[in-house]
Amino acid sequence: MPASSNFLLGKGKNASAAITKKRFVKLDTTDTTGETVKQCDTSGERAFGVSQFSVSAAEILRGKGASVLTEGRAIVEAGAALTVGQEVMTDASGRAVLATSGLYVLGVVDEPASGIGAECSVDLSMFSHAKV
C-alpha cells in the first residue's frame, strides 16, 4: 500500500535554497521574520515540517515558495527501512530515519517504508520538541 497523508495544517513559506519534496525542512535562522525554510541538513535536528513539493534554485528566483505540512500525517521519504510505530528523526538529507537518544523526534511512522528512498506516512509531532 502506498503511503498516504492527511494533514491538518499546511503553511506557505519562502525557500532560501533548493528543497526536495517529502523531506523535513527547518526555519532558516538567517531570516528573522521566520518566513523562510530550508531543507534539514543535520541528523536529528529540530524541524518545522515536511515540504509537500520540490523547489529548485531557478524556481526560487522566480518567486516560488515551499508548501510545508506542519501537523497531521505527511508522506516522507525514508532514509532507511521503517516499521509502524517507530519514532523518527531527520537524517542529514531531510529523510525520515529511526530516532536515536538525545535527538528530536519528529513523528511516528503509521505506514511503513521498505528502505532508503521509499515513502512512509508519518504522524507529525514537531512541536512537541520531544527528544528520545
N, C-alpha and C. Protein backbone atom coordinates (compact mmCIF):
# COMPACT_ATOMS: atom_id res chain seq x y z
N MET A 1 0.84 -1.17 0.00
CA MET A 1 0.00 0.00 0.00
C MET A 1 0.89 1.24 0.00
N PRO A 2 0.63 2.21 -0.87
CA PRO A 2 1.42 3.43 -0.88
C PRO A 2 1.13 4.28 0.35
N ALA A 3 2.10 5.06 0.74
CA ALA A 3 1.93 5.95 1.89
C ALA A 3 0.87 7.00 1.56
N SER A 4 0.17 7.44 2.59
CA SER A 4 -0.86 8.46 2.39
C SER A 4 -0.71 9.57 3.42
N SER A 5 -1.35 10.69 3.14
CA SER A 5 -1.27 11.82 4.06
C SER A 5 -2.66 12.32 4.41
N ASN A 6 -2.73 13.03 5.51
CA ASN A 6 -3.97 13.67 5.95
C ASN A 6 -3.54 14.78 6.89
N PHE A 7 -3.11 15.88 6.29
CA PHE A 7 -2.54 16.95 7.11
C PHE A 7 -3.63 17.87 7.66
N LEU A 8 -3.36 18.41 8.83
CA LEU A 8 -4.27 19.34 9.48
C LEU A 8 -3.86 20.78 9.22
N LEU A 9 -2.56 21.00 9.08
CA LEU A 9 -2.08 22.36 8.93
C LEU A 9 -0.93 22.40 7.94
N GLY A 10 -1.09 23.21 6.91
CA GLY A 10 -0.04 23.46 5.94
C GLY A 10 0.27 24.94 5.96
N LYS A 11 1.50 25.29 5.66
CA LYS A 11 1.92 26.69 5.74
C LYS A 11 2.80 27.00 4.54
N GLY A 12 2.54 28.11 3.88
CA GLY A 12 3.40 28.58 2.80
C GLY A 12 4.57 29.34 3.37
N LYS A 13 5.77 29.03 2.89
CA LYS A 13 6.99 29.70 3.34
C LYS A 13 7.87 30.00 2.14
N ASN A 14 8.76 30.96 2.28
CA ASN A 14 9.79 31.21 1.29
C ASN A 14 10.85 30.12 1.44
N ALA A 15 11.55 29.83 0.37
CA ALA A 15 12.65 28.86 0.43
C ALA A 15 13.97 29.59 0.20
N SER A 16 14.96 29.33 1.04
CA SER A 16 16.26 30.01 0.88
C SER A 16 17.23 29.20 0.03
N ALA A 17 16.90 27.95 -0.25
CA ALA A 17 17.73 27.07 -1.08
C ALA A 17 16.82 25.98 -1.64
N ALA A 18 17.34 25.22 -2.59
CA ALA A 18 16.56 24.14 -3.20
C ALA A 18 16.08 23.16 -2.13
N ILE A 19 14.86 22.67 -2.31
CA ILE A 19 14.24 21.73 -1.37
C ILE A 19 13.68 20.56 -2.17
N THR A 20 13.89 19.36 -1.67
CA THR A 20 13.34 18.15 -2.28
C THR A 20 12.03 17.81 -1.61
N LYS A 21 11.00 17.49 -2.42
CA LYS A 21 9.69 17.17 -1.86
C LYS A 21 9.77 15.98 -0.91
N LYS A 22 8.85 15.97 0.05
CA LYS A 22 8.68 14.89 1.02
C LYS A 22 9.88 14.74 1.96
N ARG A 23 10.56 15.84 2.22
CA ARG A 23 11.67 15.84 3.17
C ARG A 23 11.42 16.88 4.25
N PHE A 24 12.04 16.65 5.42
CA PHE A 24 11.90 17.59 6.53
C PHE A 24 12.62 18.90 6.22
N VAL A 25 11.99 20.00 6.61
CA VAL A 25 12.57 21.33 6.46
C VAL A 25 12.60 22.02 7.82
N LYS A 26 13.48 23.01 7.93
CA LYS A 26 13.61 23.78 9.17
C LYS A 26 13.52 25.26 8.84
N LEU A 27 13.27 26.06 9.85
CA LEU A 27 13.27 27.51 9.66
C LEU A 27 14.70 27.95 9.40
N ASP A 28 14.87 28.87 8.47
CA ASP A 28 16.19 29.43 8.16
C ASP A 28 16.45 30.55 9.16
N THR A 29 17.41 30.36 10.02
CA THR A 29 17.67 31.31 11.11
C THR A 29 18.25 32.63 10.61
N THR A 30 18.68 32.71 9.34
CA THR A 30 19.19 33.99 8.82
C THR A 30 18.04 34.95 8.51
N ASP A 31 16.81 34.44 8.47
CA ASP A 31 15.62 35.28 8.25
C ASP A 31 14.92 35.47 9.59
N THR A 32 15.05 36.65 10.15
CA THR A 32 14.49 36.91 11.48
C THR A 32 12.97 37.01 11.48
N THR A 33 12.33 37.05 10.32
CA THR A 33 10.88 37.10 10.26
C THR A 33 10.26 35.72 10.45
N GLY A 34 11.04 34.64 10.30
CA GLY A 34 10.52 33.29 10.44
C GLY A 34 9.71 32.83 9.24
N GLU A 35 9.86 33.50 8.10
CA GLU A 35 9.08 33.17 6.91
C GLU A 35 9.84 32.36 5.87
N THR A 36 11.05 31.90 6.20
CA THR A 36 11.87 31.19 5.23
C THR A 36 12.31 29.85 5.79
N VAL A 37 12.25 28.82 4.94
CA VAL A 37 12.68 27.48 5.33
C VAL A 37 13.79 26.99 4.40
N LYS A 38 14.51 25.98 4.89
CA LYS A 38 15.48 25.26 4.08
C LYS A 38 15.45 23.80 4.50
N GLN A 39 15.94 22.94 3.64
CA GLN A 39 15.90 21.52 3.91
C GLN A 39 16.80 21.18 5.09
N CYS A 40 16.34 20.28 5.96
CA CYS A 40 17.16 19.85 7.09
C CYS A 40 18.45 19.24 6.57
N ASP A 41 19.56 19.58 7.25
CA ASP A 41 20.87 19.11 6.81
C ASP A 41 21.74 18.58 7.94
N THR A 42 21.14 18.43 9.11
CA THR A 42 21.86 17.90 10.27
C THR A 42 21.03 16.78 10.89
N SER A 43 21.60 15.64 11.04
CA SER A 43 20.89 14.48 11.58
C SER A 43 20.36 14.77 12.98
N GLY A 44 19.06 14.51 13.18
CA GLY A 44 18.45 14.65 14.50
C GLY A 44 18.06 16.05 14.90
N GLU A 45 18.15 17.01 14.00
CA GLU A 45 17.82 18.39 14.37
C GLU A 45 16.30 18.61 14.42
N ARG A 46 15.92 19.72 15.01
CA ARG A 46 14.52 20.12 15.09
C ARG A 46 14.06 20.56 13.71
N ALA A 47 12.86 20.17 13.31
CA ALA A 47 12.32 20.54 12.01
C ALA A 47 11.06 21.38 12.18
N PHE A 48 10.69 22.09 11.12
CA PHE A 48 9.45 22.88 11.11
C PHE A 48 8.31 22.08 10.49
N GLY A 49 8.63 21.23 9.52
CA GLY A 49 7.61 20.46 8.85
C GLY A 49 8.19 19.65 7.71
N VAL A 50 7.31 19.23 6.79
CA VAL A 50 7.68 18.42 5.63
C VAL A 50 7.27 19.17 4.37
N SER A 51 8.21 19.33 3.44
CA SER A 51 7.91 20.01 2.19
C SER A 51 7.02 19.13 1.32
N GLN A 52 5.93 19.69 0.84
CA GLN A 52 4.99 18.93 0.03
C GLN A 52 5.46 18.83 -1.42
N PHE A 53 6.19 19.83 -1.90
CA PHE A 53 6.67 19.87 -3.29
C PHE A 53 8.14 20.26 -3.32
N SER A 54 8.82 19.88 -4.39
CA SER A 54 10.21 20.32 -4.58
C SER A 54 10.23 21.78 -5.03
N VAL A 55 11.31 22.47 -4.69
CA VAL A 55 11.54 23.84 -5.12
C VAL A 55 12.99 23.92 -5.59
N SER A 56 13.20 24.28 -6.85
CA SER A 56 14.56 24.39 -7.38
C SER A 56 15.09 25.81 -7.17
N ALA A 57 16.40 25.97 -7.32
CA ALA A 57 17.01 27.30 -7.19
C ALA A 57 16.45 28.26 -8.24
N ALA A 58 16.22 27.76 -9.45
CA ALA A 58 15.65 28.60 -10.52
C ALA A 58 14.22 29.04 -10.17
N GLU A 59 13.45 28.14 -9.56
CA GLU A 59 12.07 28.49 -9.18
C GLU A 59 12.05 29.51 -8.05
N ILE A 60 13.01 29.43 -7.14
CA ILE A 60 13.10 30.41 -6.05
C ILE A 60 13.32 31.80 -6.64
N LEU A 61 14.18 31.91 -7.65
CA LEU A 61 14.45 33.20 -8.30
C LEU A 61 13.21 33.76 -8.97
N ARG A 62 12.28 32.90 -9.36
CA ARG A 62 11.02 33.33 -9.97
C ARG A 62 9.92 33.55 -8.94
N GLY A 63 10.24 33.37 -7.64
CA GLY A 63 9.28 33.66 -6.58
C GLY A 63 8.51 32.48 -6.03
N LYS A 64 8.84 31.26 -6.46
CA LYS A 64 8.13 30.09 -5.92
C LYS A 64 8.55 29.84 -4.48
N GLY A 65 7.60 29.53 -3.64
CA GLY A 65 7.87 29.22 -2.25
C GLY A 65 7.66 27.74 -1.97
N ALA A 66 7.69 27.39 -0.72
CA ALA A 66 7.53 26.00 -0.28
C ALA A 66 6.20 25.83 0.44
N SER A 67 5.52 24.72 0.16
CA SER A 67 4.31 24.34 0.90
C SER A 67 4.75 23.33 1.95
N VAL A 68 4.58 23.69 3.22
CA VAL A 68 5.10 22.89 4.31
C VAL A 68 3.97 22.33 5.17
N LEU A 69 3.94 21.01 5.32
CA LEU A 69 2.97 20.36 6.19
C LEU A 69 3.55 20.36 7.60
N THR A 70 2.79 20.90 8.56
CA THR A 70 3.33 21.04 9.91
C THR A 70 2.61 20.22 10.97
N GLU A 71 1.44 19.73 10.62
CA GLU A 71 0.68 18.95 11.60
C GLU A 71 -0.21 17.95 10.88
N GLY A 72 -0.37 16.77 11.44
CA GLY A 72 -1.17 15.71 10.84
C GLY A 72 -0.27 14.62 10.30
N ARG A 73 -0.74 13.92 9.27
CA ARG A 73 0.03 12.85 8.64
C ARG A 73 0.63 13.35 7.34
N ALA A 74 1.92 13.09 7.14
CA ALA A 74 2.59 13.52 5.92
C ALA A 74 3.33 12.35 5.30
N ILE A 75 3.43 12.37 3.97
CA ILE A 75 4.27 11.40 3.28
C ILE A 75 5.69 11.94 3.34
N VAL A 76 6.61 11.09 3.82
CA VAL A 76 8.01 11.48 3.98
C VAL A 76 8.89 10.43 3.31
N GLU A 77 9.94 10.90 2.65
CA GLU A 77 10.92 9.97 2.07
C GLU A 77 11.74 9.37 3.20
N ALA A 78 11.91 8.07 3.16
CA ALA A 78 12.66 7.37 4.21
C ALA A 78 14.15 7.30 3.87
N GLY A 79 14.96 7.35 4.91
CA GLY A 79 16.40 7.19 4.77
C GLY A 79 16.84 5.80 5.18
N ALA A 80 15.87 4.95 5.52
CA ALA A 80 16.13 3.56 5.94
C ALA A 80 14.78 2.84 5.99
N ALA A 81 14.81 1.54 6.15
CA ALA A 81 13.55 0.79 6.33
C ALA A 81 12.93 1.21 7.66
N LEU A 82 11.63 1.46 7.66
CA LEU A 82 10.92 1.89 8.86
C LEU A 82 9.65 1.08 9.01
N THR A 83 9.30 0.77 10.26
CA THR A 83 8.09 0.00 10.54
C THR A 83 7.10 0.85 11.33
N VAL A 84 5.85 0.42 11.30
CA VAL A 84 4.78 1.13 12.01
C VAL A 84 5.12 1.23 13.50
N GLY A 85 4.92 2.42 14.06
CA GLY A 85 5.14 2.64 15.48
C GLY A 85 6.52 3.18 15.83
N GLN A 86 7.44 3.19 14.89
CA GLN A 86 8.77 3.70 15.18
C GLN A 86 8.77 5.23 15.21
N GLU A 87 9.48 5.80 16.19
CA GLU A 87 9.67 7.24 16.25
C GLU A 87 10.78 7.60 15.27
N VAL A 88 10.59 8.73 14.54
CA VAL A 88 11.57 9.12 13.54
C VAL A 88 12.13 10.51 13.79
N MET A 89 13.32 10.70 13.25
CA MET A 89 14.00 11.99 13.23
C MET A 89 14.46 12.23 11.79
N THR A 90 15.09 13.34 11.53
CA THR A 90 15.63 13.61 10.21
C THR A 90 17.06 13.10 10.12
N ASP A 91 17.45 12.68 8.90
CA ASP A 91 18.86 12.40 8.66
C ASP A 91 19.48 13.67 8.08
N ALA A 92 20.72 13.63 7.64
CA ALA A 92 21.42 14.82 7.15
C ALA A 92 20.93 15.28 5.78
N SER A 93 19.95 14.56 5.20
CA SER A 93 19.36 14.95 3.91
C SER A 93 17.88 15.26 4.02
N GLY A 94 17.34 15.29 5.25
CA GLY A 94 15.93 15.61 5.46
C GLY A 94 15.00 14.41 5.38
N ARG A 95 15.55 13.19 5.24
CA ARG A 95 14.71 11.99 5.16
C ARG A 95 14.43 11.46 6.57
N ALA A 96 13.37 10.66 6.69
CA ALA A 96 12.98 10.06 7.97
C ALA A 96 13.84 8.84 8.27
N VAL A 97 14.39 8.79 9.47
CA VAL A 97 15.15 7.64 9.96
C VAL A 97 14.76 7.39 11.42
N LEU A 98 15.09 6.21 11.91
CA LEU A 98 14.79 5.85 13.29
C LEU A 98 15.43 6.86 14.25
N ALA A 99 14.64 7.39 15.19
CA ALA A 99 15.14 8.37 16.16
C ALA A 99 16.11 7.70 17.13
N THR A 100 17.14 8.45 17.49
CA THR A 100 18.12 7.96 18.45
C THR A 100 18.17 8.87 19.67
N SER A 101 18.72 8.37 20.73
CA SER A 101 18.74 9.03 22.02
C SER A 101 19.30 10.45 21.96
N GLY A 102 18.58 11.38 22.58
CA GLY A 102 19.03 12.76 22.71
C GLY A 102 18.70 13.65 21.53
N LEU A 103 18.04 13.12 20.50
CA LEU A 103 17.74 13.91 19.31
C LEU A 103 16.23 14.12 19.17
N TYR A 104 15.82 15.04 18.30
CA TYR A 104 14.42 15.41 18.17
C TYR A 104 13.59 14.35 17.47
N VAL A 105 12.49 13.95 18.10
CA VAL A 105 11.51 13.06 17.49
C VAL A 105 10.56 13.95 16.70
N LEU A 106 10.43 13.66 15.39
CA LEU A 106 9.59 14.49 14.53
C LEU A 106 8.24 13.86 14.23
N GLY A 107 8.09 12.59 14.59
CA GLY A 107 6.82 11.93 14.37
C GLY A 107 6.93 10.44 14.56
N VAL A 108 5.80 9.75 14.29
CA VAL A 108 5.71 8.30 14.44
C VAL A 108 5.22 7.72 13.12
N VAL A 109 5.88 6.67 12.65
CA VAL A 109 5.50 6.02 11.40
C VAL A 109 4.16 5.32 11.57
N ASP A 110 3.23 5.57 10.63
CA ASP A 110 1.97 4.82 10.68
C ASP A 110 1.71 4.08 9.37
N GLU A 111 2.58 4.22 8.39
CA GLU A 111 2.61 3.38 7.19
C GLU A 111 4.08 3.19 6.87
N PRO A 112 4.57 1.93 6.79
CA PRO A 112 5.99 1.63 6.73
C PRO A 112 6.68 1.99 5.42
N ALA A 113 8.01 1.99 5.46
CA ALA A 113 8.85 2.17 4.27
C ALA A 113 9.78 0.97 4.16
N SER A 114 9.96 0.47 2.95
CA SER A 114 10.79 -0.73 2.74
C SER A 114 12.28 -0.45 2.78
N GLY A 115 12.68 0.79 2.62
CA GLY A 115 14.10 1.12 2.65
C GLY A 115 14.36 2.54 2.20
N ILE A 116 15.62 2.87 2.01
CA ILE A 116 16.02 4.21 1.62
C ILE A 116 15.36 4.60 0.30
N GLY A 117 14.82 5.81 0.25
CA GLY A 117 14.15 6.31 -0.94
C GLY A 117 12.68 5.96 -1.03
N ALA A 118 12.23 5.01 -0.23
CA ALA A 118 10.81 4.64 -0.22
C ALA A 118 10.03 5.70 0.56
N GLU A 119 8.73 5.71 0.39
CA GLU A 119 7.88 6.65 1.12
C GLU A 119 7.23 5.97 2.30
N CYS A 120 7.06 6.74 3.38
CA CYS A 120 6.31 6.26 4.53
C CYS A 120 5.36 7.37 4.95
N SER A 121 4.40 7.03 5.76
CA SER A 121 3.49 8.03 6.32
C SER A 121 3.90 8.26 7.76
N VAL A 122 4.02 9.52 8.13
CA VAL A 122 4.46 9.89 9.48
C VAL A 122 3.42 10.79 10.13
N ASP A 123 2.99 10.42 11.32
CA ASP A 123 2.14 11.27 12.13
C ASP A 123 3.06 12.30 12.78
N LEU A 124 3.00 13.53 12.31
CA LEU A 124 3.95 14.58 12.72
C LEU A 124 3.74 15.02 14.17
N SER A 125 4.85 15.30 14.83
CA SER A 125 4.81 15.85 16.19
C SER A 125 5.98 16.78 16.42
N MET A 126 6.29 17.63 15.44
CA MET A 126 7.43 18.54 15.53
C MET A 126 7.34 19.50 16.71
N PHE A 127 6.15 19.91 17.03
CA PHE A 127 6.02 20.98 18.02
C PHE A 127 6.06 20.45 19.46
N SER A 128 6.21 19.16 19.62
CA SER A 128 6.34 18.63 20.97
C SER A 128 7.76 18.86 21.51
N HIS A 129 8.70 19.10 20.61
CA HIS A 129 10.10 19.32 20.97
C HIS A 129 10.64 18.12 21.75
N ALA A 130 10.04 16.97 21.55
CA ALA A 130 10.44 15.77 22.28
C ALA A 130 11.78 15.27 21.81
N LYS A 131 12.56 14.79 22.74
CA LYS A 131 13.82 14.12 22.42
C LYS A 131 13.74 12.71 22.99
N VAL A 132 14.35 11.77 22.27
CA VAL A 132 14.34 10.38 22.72
C VAL A 132 15.14 10.27 23.99
